[in-house]
Structures are given as C-alpha cells and as structure tokens.
C-alpha atoms as a PDB file:
ATOM      1  CA  MET A   1     -43.473 -43.873 105.738  1.00  0.00           C
ATOM      2  CA  SER A   2     -42.786 -40.142 105.866  1.00  0.00           C
ATOM      3  CA  PHE A   3     -40.228 -38.596 108.206  1.00  0.00           C
ATOM      4  CA  PHE A   4     -43.024 -36.975 110.202  1.00  0.00           C
ATOM      5  CA  LYS A   5     -44.861 -40.264 110.739  1.00  0.00           C
ATOM      6  CA  ALA A   6     -41.671 -42.152 111.599  1.00  0.00           C
ATOM      7  CA  ALA A   7     -40.547 -39.442 114.046  1.00  0.00           C
ATOM      8  CA  ALA A   8     -43.974 -39.272 115.678  1.00  0.00           C
ATOM      9  CA  ARG A   9     -44.023 -43.039 116.056  1.00  0.00           C
ATOM     10  CA  LEU A  10     -40.515 -43.114 117.575  1.00  0.00           C
ATOM     11  CA  ALA A  11     -41.390 -40.231 119.911  1.00  0.00           C
ATOM     12  CA  GLY A  12     -44.382 -42.232 121.106  1.00  0.00           C
ATOM     13  CA  VAL A  13     -42.245 -45.328 121.650  1.00  0.00           C
ATOM     14  CA  ALA A  14     -39.647 -43.302 123.567  1.00  0.00           C
ATOM     15  CA  GLY A  15     -42.369 -41.819 125.746  1.00  0.00           C
ATOM     16  CA  TRP A  16     -44.109 -45.118 126.389  1.00  0.00           C
ATOM     17  CA  LEU A  17     -41.104 -47.386 126.917  1.00  0.00           C
ATOM     18  CA  LEU A  18     -38.528 -44.968 128.286  1.00  0.00           C
ATOM     19  CA  GLY A  19     -40.652 -42.289 129.929  1.00  0.00           C
ATOM     20  CA  TRP A  20     -39.039 -39.605 127.763  1.00  0.00           C
ATOM     21  CA  ARG A  21     -40.796 -36.284 127.374  1.00  0.00           C
ATOM     22  CA  PRO A  22     -40.905 -34.801 123.851  1.00  0.00           C
ATOM     23  CA  ASP A  23     -37.961 -32.468 124.481  1.00  0.00           C
ATOM     24  CA  GLU A  24     -35.820 -35.409 125.625  1.00  0.00           C
ATOM     25  CA  PHE A  25     -36.671 -37.289 122.447  1.00  0.00           C
ATOM     26  CA  TRP A  26     -35.882 -34.344 120.160  1.00  0.00           C
ATOM     27  CA  ARG A  27     -32.583 -33.591 121.912  1.00  0.00           C
ATOM     28  CA  SER A  28     -31.358 -37.175 121.521  1.00  0.00           C
ATOM     29  CA  THR A  29     -29.442 -38.360 118.497  1.00  0.00           C
ATOM     30  CA  PRO A  30     -30.502 -41.436 116.528  1.00  0.00           C
ATOM     31  CA  VAL A  31     -27.432 -43.251 117.896  1.00  0.00           C
ATOM     32  CA  GLU A  32     -28.408 -42.412 121.490  1.00  0.00           C
ATOM     33  CA  LEU A  33     -31.990 -43.557 120.949  1.00  0.00           C
ATOM     34  CA  GLU A  34     -30.811 -46.796 119.359  1.00  0.00           C
ATOM     35  CA  ALA A  35     -28.391 -47.474 122.220  1.00  0.00           C
ATOM     36  CA  VAL A  36     -31.049 -46.912 124.878  1.00  0.00           C
ATOM     37  CA  LEU A  37     -33.612 -49.071 123.070  1.00  0.00           C
ATOM     38  CA  ARG A  38     -31.068 -51.860 122.572  1.00  0.00           C
ATOM     39  CA  ALA A  39     -30.104 -51.738 126.248  1.00  0.00           C
ATOM     40  CA  ALA A  40     -33.769 -51.762 127.294  1.00  0.00           C
ATOM     41  CA  ARG A  41     -34.280 -54.840 125.131  1.00  0.00           C
ATOM     42  CA  GLY A  42     -31.180 -56.503 126.565  1.00  0.00           C
ATOM     43  CA  ASP A  43     -29.180 -56.365 123.342  1.00  0.00           C
ATOM     44  CA  ASP A  44     -26.163 -54.604 124.790  1.00  0.00           C
ATOM     45  CA  GLU A  45     -22.912 -56.485 124.491  1.00  0.00           C
ATOM     46  CA  PRO A  46     -21.981 -58.636 127.513  1.00  0.00           C
ATOM     47  CA  ASP A  47     -18.755 -56.839 128.365  1.00  0.00           C
ATOM     48  CA  ALA A  48     -19.963 -53.384 127.348  1.00  0.00           C
ATOM     49  CA  GLY A  49     -20.353 -51.950 130.834  1.00  0.00           C
ATOM     50  CA  MET A  50     -19.620 -48.556 132.220  1.00  0.00           C
ATOM     51  CA  ASP A  51     -16.764 -47.672 134.479  1.00  0.00           C
ATOM     52  CA  ALA A  52     -17.033 -45.794 137.774  1.00  0.00           C
ATOM     53  CA  GLY A  53     -16.184 -42.478 136.104  1.00  0.00           C
ATOM     54  CA  GLU A  54     -18.993 -42.792 133.578  1.00  0.00           C
ATOM     55  CA  LEU A  55     -21.451 -43.788 136.308  1.00  0.00           C
ATOM     56  CA  GLU A  56     -20.463 -40.766 138.397  1.00  0.00           C
ATOM     57  CA  ARG A  57     -20.839 -38.476 135.361  1.00  0.00           C
ATOM     58  CA  LEU A  58     -24.354 -39.827 134.748  1.00  0.00           C
ATOM     59  CA  ARG A  59     -25.278 -39.383 138.414  1.00  0.00           C
ATOM     60  CA  ALA A  60     -24.167 -35.757 138.246  1.00  0.00           C
ATOM     61  CA  VAL A  61     -26.235 -35.127 135.116  1.00  0.00           C
ATOM     62  CA  MET A  62     -29.324 -37.012 136.356  1.00  0.00           C
ATOM     63  CA  PRO A  63     -29.346 -36.679 140.161  1.00  0.00           C
ATOM     64  CA  ASP A  64     -32.799 -38.168 140.660  1.00  0.00           C
END
C-alpha cells in the first residue's frame, strides 16, 4: 500500500473513530495517533494513568 493510501485510510479512521478533523490528524505524530487508538481500544497499561498536573494541562489546551 502506498503512503498516500495508508495516510488517507488512517485519516478516515481518525475522523470516524476519534472525531478528528483533517488538520488534527496531520498535526499528530504517529506515536500520538497510536497512543490514542490504543487507549480507545482499551490497550493502555493498567497503571499508566495521568496525574492531576497532566489533566489540568489537557483541560487548559482543550477547554470544551
């Protein structure tokens, strides 16, 4: 599969499953996309949580 086809497919998956707009997909790194998809699937590690500081940082970045 070509890069274009793979990227288009992943962009579609990110839009469908995560509600990402195209610019959100293209600004993300492969590691970020993998982490979000793993978490959405429930594959995150049991003790891999976020602390209060990280939660507050995310709330500031995404206030909605």
